[in-house]
Amino acid sequence: MTANLGSDLLMQLLDEQPEASESDLHELLRPVLRGHFQPALLARFQTVIYRPLPAERCAPLSA
């Protein structure tokens, strides 16, 4: 299952702190996920946070 829950908060934090730790990102998203998913379901999830790909890395992909 994939979701964009909290992506706006995540992007805002990464704009302000590009080197934010994974634990900081998880702490930011935890309340958003808890507000959307039941605890029993959330306990079965593994949260994988993808950081945005920098523009300079995207150029070779589209060439």
Protein backbone atom coordinates (compact mmCIF):
# COMPACT_ATOMS: atom_id res chain seq x y z
CA MET A 1 0.00 0.00 0.00
CA THR A 2 1.26 3.46 -0.81
CA ALA A 3 0.04 6.80 0.44
CA ASN A 4 0.96 10.43 0.15
CA LEU A 5 -0.22 11.19 3.66
CA GLY A 6 1.85 13.99 5.13
CA SER A 7 3.77 14.61 1.92
CA ASP A 8 3.13 18.35 2.22
CA LEU A 9 4.62 18.38 5.73
CA LEU A 10 7.51 16.23 4.59
CA MET A 11 8.34 18.51 1.66
CA GLN A 12 8.14 21.59 3.88
CA LEU A 13 10.53 20.09 6.42
CA LEU A 14 12.96 18.95 3.72
CA ASP A 15 12.92 22.42 2.14
CA GLU A 16 13.88 23.89 5.52
CA GLN A 17 16.20 21.07 6.61
CA PRO A 18 17.46 19.06 3.61
CA GLU A 19 19.62 16.89 5.85
CA ALA A 20 16.83 16.00 8.31
CA SER A 21 17.35 12.56 9.80
CA GLU A 22 15.13 9.59 9.03
CA SER A 23 13.97 9.57 12.65
CA ASP A 24 12.94 13.25 12.33
CA LEU A 25 10.92 12.41 9.22
CA HIS A 26 9.24 9.45 10.91
CA GLU A 27 8.39 11.58 13.96
CA LEU A 28 6.84 14.19 11.68
CA LEU A 29 4.67 11.64 9.88
CA ARG A 30 3.68 9.47 12.84
CA PRO A 31 0.74 11.67 14.00
CA VAL A 32 -0.56 11.98 10.43
CA LEU A 33 -0.52 8.20 9.97
CA ARG A 34 -2.12 7.62 13.38
CA GLY A 35 -4.90 10.02 12.46
CA HIS A 36 -5.70 8.11 9.29
CA PHE A 37 -5.09 4.41 10.01
CA GLN A 38 -6.34 2.17 12.81
CA PRO A 39 -3.54 1.15 15.22
CA ALA A 40 -3.87 -2.56 14.35
CA LEU A 41 -3.37 -1.83 10.66
CA LEU A 42 -0.62 0.70 11.25
CA ALA A 43 1.29 -1.86 13.31
CA ARG A 44 1.52 -4.05 10.20
CA PHE A 45 2.97 -1.31 8.02
CA GLN A 46 6.58 -0.60 7.32
CA THR A 47 7.01 3.09 6.61
CA VAL A 48 9.44 3.91 3.82
CA ILE A 49 10.07 7.60 3.24
CA TYR A 50 11.37 8.64 -0.16
CA ARG A 51 13.27 11.89 -0.40
CA PRO A 52 12.74 14.00 -3.53
CA LEU A 53 15.27 13.42 -6.28
CA PRO A 54 17.38 16.55 -6.92
CA ALA A 55 16.86 18.21 -10.31
CA GLU A 56 20.46 17.55 -11.39
CA ARG A 57 19.86 13.81 -10.98
CA CYS A 58 16.61 13.93 -12.98
CA ALA A 59 18.18 15.40 -16.13
CA PRO A 60 20.11 12.24 -17.14
CA LEU A 61 16.96 10.18 -16.65
CA SER A 62 15.00 12.23 -19.17
CA ALA A 63 17.81 12.52 -21.73
